[in-house]
Amino acid sequence: MSDRDVLDLSSRLNSLLLTEDSDFGTWVFAHKVPTVGILYLRYRPGEHEQIARVLVDVVRKEGDSLRGKYVTLTPRKTRLRDI
C-alpha cells in the first residue's frame, strides 16, 4: 500500500498509526493529510522489548489524548506534537 492509502485506511478505521517510516510526518505536516494520530518509532532493529515497554507506558499515560498527535518515540525521549 502507498503511504497515502495507509493514512486513509487508518482514518477510516478511526485508528492511530504505528510506524517506523518518517515519511508520514511529511504527509501530515507538509501536505496536511488528516489522520487520527501517528506513533513514530525511532529505534534500532532488535529493540523490541524496549519498544513494547515504551508503547505501553505512553498509551497508559496519554490514552485518548494521543488522538490528533504526532508522537515520536526514541530510546531517550517521547515527543508529542499537535497535528
Foldseek 3Di string as FASTA:
>chain_A
DDPLVVQVVQVVVLHEAEEQDPVVVCCCPVVVDDHQAYEHEDEDPPPVVLVVVVVVVCCVVCPSVRTQWYWYDYSVDIDTDGD
